[in-house]
């Protein structure tokens, strides 16, 4: 998050991170950092919890569109779940892309997504479902906040096509 507490905006430098990536080319887990992908677009999609209804719809829609997305950017799902939980989620739904484990909430906090939520009148803290498209130079190209799981893939694909046409 910016020092003044303002939300991140398009054009800002994306906050750096280091986390364990599970799945895809990272298998059972390997540490990655945003800087590892300099020169390539990166999609960070933040979601609340592995194997929950909305998160499963979102992940499976990415899986089902993977053939048209995989060559456009490095795609990572991000949640506070453990690497073990991610492994089970990936295996259960045959997800072809990696998930980043952020149990210490470092990435969700850096992107300003650890927020107060409400369900059935009860308030609690959780991850806001949001997506950041980051250009190869490390600047934020697009932000989609409070994404509806069923709309996610179309938004990501459109943003990546715009980014590639620049």
Protein backbone atom coordinates (compact mmCIF):
# COMPACT_ATOMS: atom_id res chain seq x y z
CA UNK A 1 0.00 0.00 0.00
CA UNK A 2 1.17 3.53 -0.61
CA UNK A 3 2.74 5.28 2.36
CA UNK A 4 -0.11 7.79 2.58
CA UNK A 5 -2.62 4.94 2.92
CA UNK A 6 -4.19 5.58 -0.50
CA UNK A 7 -5.17 2.59 -2.62
CA UNK A 8 -2.90 1.49 -5.42
CA UNK A 9 -3.79 2.96 -8.81
CA UNK A 10 -3.11 2.24 -12.46
CA UNK A 11 0.39 3.50 -13.30
CA UNK A 12 1.80 2.86 -9.81
CA UNK A 13 4.76 0.56 -9.35
CA UNK A 14 3.44 -2.83 -8.29
CA UNK A 15 4.50 -3.73 -4.74
CA UNK A 16 7.33 -6.24 -4.77
CA UNK A 17 6.70 -9.62 -3.17
CA UNK A 18 8.36 -12.92 -2.41
CA UNK A 19 6.21 -16.01 -1.82
CA UNK A 20 5.96 -19.76 -2.35
CA UNK A 21 4.34 -20.66 -5.67
CA UNK A 22 2.60 -24.05 -5.82
CA UNK A 23 1.40 -25.78 -8.98
CA UNK A 24 2.03 -25.24 -12.66
CA UNK A 25 5.76 -25.18 -13.38
CA UNK A 26 6.49 -24.80 -9.63
CA UNK A 27 5.22 -28.26 -8.61
CA UNK A 28 4.98 -28.71 -4.86
CA UNK A 29 6.39 -25.28 -4.21
CA UNK A 30 9.21 -22.88 -4.99
CA UNK A 31 9.83 -19.32 -3.89
CA UNK A 32 9.27 -16.62 -6.50
CA UNK A 33 9.45 -12.83 -6.49
CA UNK A 34 7.75 -10.25 -8.68
CA UNK A 35 11.20 -9.19 -9.96
CA UNK A 36 11.69 -12.69 -11.42
CA UNK A 37 9.17 -11.79 -14.14
CA UNK A 38 10.59 -8.44 -15.25
CA UNK A 39 9.83 -7.96 -18.94
CA UNK A 40 6.70 -10.14 -18.88
CA UNK A 41 3.13 -9.24 -17.91
CA UNK A 42 1.92 -10.70 -14.61
CA UNK A 43 -1.64 -11.31 -13.45
CA UNK A 44 -2.12 -11.45 -9.69
CA UNK A 45 -5.64 -12.49 -8.84
CA UNK A 46 -6.43 -12.34 -5.14
CA UNK A 47 -9.17 -14.57 -3.77
CA UNK A 48 -10.49 -15.28 -0.27
CA UNK A 49 -10.11 -19.04 0.23
CA UNK A 50 -9.26 -22.29 -1.53
CA UNK A 51 -12.11 -24.63 -2.43
CA UNK A 52 -14.99 -22.27 -1.61
CA UNK A 53 -17.83 -21.76 -4.11
CA UNK A 54 -16.89 -18.36 -5.62
CA UNK A 55 -13.17 -19.07 -5.55
CA UNK A 56 -13.70 -22.40 -7.27
CA UNK A 57 -15.83 -20.79 -10.02
CA UNK A 58 -13.10 -18.17 -10.54
CA UNK A 59 -10.24 -20.68 -10.64
CA UNK A 60 -12.08 -23.14 -12.89
CA UNK A 61 -13.00 -20.40 -15.37
CA UNK A 62 -9.30 -19.53 -15.64
CA UNK A 63 -8.52 -23.23 -16.05
CA UNK A 64 -11.12 -23.57 -18.80
CA UNK A 65 -9.66 -20.55 -20.65
CA UNK A 66 -6.05 -21.45 -19.99
CA UNK A 67 -5.17 -22.24 -23.61
CA UNK A 68 -5.93 -18.62 -24.59
CA UNK A 69 -4.33 -17.02 -21.50
CA UNK A 70 -1.12 -18.90 -20.78
CA UNK A 71 0.92 -17.27 -23.54
CA UNK A 72 -0.19 -13.74 -22.62
CA UNK A 73 1.12 -13.44 -19.05
CA UNK A 74 2.37 -15.18 -15.92
CA UNK A 75 -0.83 -15.86 -13.94
CA UNK A 76 -0.84 -16.39 -10.17
CA UNK A 77 -3.73 -16.83 -7.78
CA UNK A 78 -2.98 -15.36 -4.34
CA UNK A 79 -4.60 -16.25 -1.03
CA UNK A 80 -3.58 -16.56 2.60
CA UNK A 81 -4.03 -20.34 2.44
CA UNK A 82 -1.05 -22.62 3.05
CA UNK A 83 0.99 -24.25 0.29
CA UNK A 84 -0.55 -27.59 1.36
CA UNK A 85 -4.09 -26.22 0.95
CA UNK A 86 -3.14 -24.82 -2.46
CA UNK A 87 -1.80 -28.22 -3.51
CA UNK A 88 -5.10 -29.90 -2.63
CA UNK A 89 -7.12 -27.20 -4.44
CA UNK A 90 -4.94 -27.48 -7.55
CA UNK A 91 -5.17 -31.27 -7.57
CA UNK A 92 -8.93 -31.41 -6.95
CA UNK A 93 -9.76 -29.02 -9.82
CA UNK A 94 -6.78 -29.74 -12.11
CA UNK A 95 -5.66 -26.10 -12.12
CA UNK A 96 -2.84 -25.54 -14.64
CA UNK A 97 -1.54 -22.29 -13.10
CA UNK A 98 0.32 -21.65 -9.83
CA UNK A 99 -1.07 -20.26 -6.60
CA UNK A 100 0.93 -18.06 -4.21
CA UNK A 101 0.73 -18.82 -0.50
CA UNK A 102 0.56 -15.68 1.66
CA UNK A 103 -0.21 -16.90 5.21
CA UNK A 104 1.54 -13.90 6.79
CA UNK A 105 -0.70 -11.58 4.71
CA UNK A 106 2.32 -9.68 3.37
CA UNK A 107 1.12 -9.56 -0.24
CA UNK A 108 -2.56 -8.91 0.53
CA UNK A 109 -1.52 -6.06 2.84
CA UNK A 110 0.95 -4.61 0.31
CA UNK A 111 -1.83 -4.51 -2.30
CA UNK A 112 -4.35 -3.10 0.20
CA UNK A 113 -6.64 -6.12 0.05
CA UNK A 114 -6.87 -7.28 3.68
CA UNK A 115 -10.16 -5.57 4.44
CA UNK A 116 -13.18 -5.66 6.70
CA UNK A 117 -15.96 -7.73 5.15
CA UNK A 118 -19.48 -8.55 6.19
CA UNK A 119 -21.58 -11.70 5.80
CA UNK A 120 -25.04 -12.14 7.30
CA UNK A 121 -24.46 -9.01 9.37
CA UNK A 122 -21.25 -10.33 10.90
CA UNK A 123 -18.06 -8.33 10.29
CA UNK A 124 -14.70 -10.03 9.82
CA UNK A 125 -11.35 -9.47 8.12
CA UNK A 126 -10.60 -11.16 4.82
CA UNK A 127 -9.08 -10.86 1.36
CA UNK A 128 -10.92 -8.68 -1.15
CA UNK A 129 -11.40 -10.51 -4.46
CA UNK A 130 -9.37 -8.28 -6.80
CA UNK A 131 -7.02 -8.63 -9.76
CA UNK A 132 -3.95 -6.63 -10.75
CA UNK A 133 -2.49 -6.77 -14.26
CA UNK A 134 1.16 -5.72 -14.09
CA UNK A 135 3.13 -4.72 -17.19
CA UNK A 136 6.62 -5.99 -17.93
CA UNK A 137 8.18 -2.83 -16.47
CA UNK A 138 6.54 -3.52 -13.10
CA UNK A 139 3.80 -0.89 -13.31
CA UNK A 140 0.14 -1.62 -12.66
CA UNK A 141 -1.73 -1.65 -15.99
CA UNK A 142 -5.24 -2.62 -14.79
CA UNK A 143 -7.03 -3.17 -11.49
CA UNK A 144 -10.31 -5.03 -11.04
CA UNK A 145 -11.69 -4.70 -7.51
CA UNK A 146 -14.43 -6.84 -5.99
CA UNK A 147 -14.48 -8.99 -9.11
CA UNK A 148 -17.47 -11.26 -9.73
CA UNK A 149 -16.01 -14.76 -10.25
CA UNK A 150 -18.03 -15.37 -13.41
CA UNK A 151 -16.83 -12.08 -15.02
CA UNK A 152 -13.16 -12.49 -14.13
CA UNK A 153 -11.73 -14.28 -17.17
CA UNK A 154 -13.26 -11.84 -19.67
CA UNK A 155 -11.85 -8.84 -17.77
CA UNK A 156 -8.39 -10.40 -17.59
CA UNK A 157 -8.35 -11.42 -21.25
CA UNK A 158 -9.49 -7.96 -22.42
CA UNK A 159 -6.89 -6.20 -20.27
CA UNK A 160 -4.08 -8.47 -21.48
CA UNK A 161 -5.06 -7.92 -25.12
CA UNK A 162 -4.95 -4.14 -24.54
CA UNK A 163 -1.59 -4.43 -22.81
CA UNK A 164 -0.18 -6.53 -25.66
CA UNK A 165 -1.39 -4.07 -28.29
CA UNK A 166 0.56 -1.17 -26.70
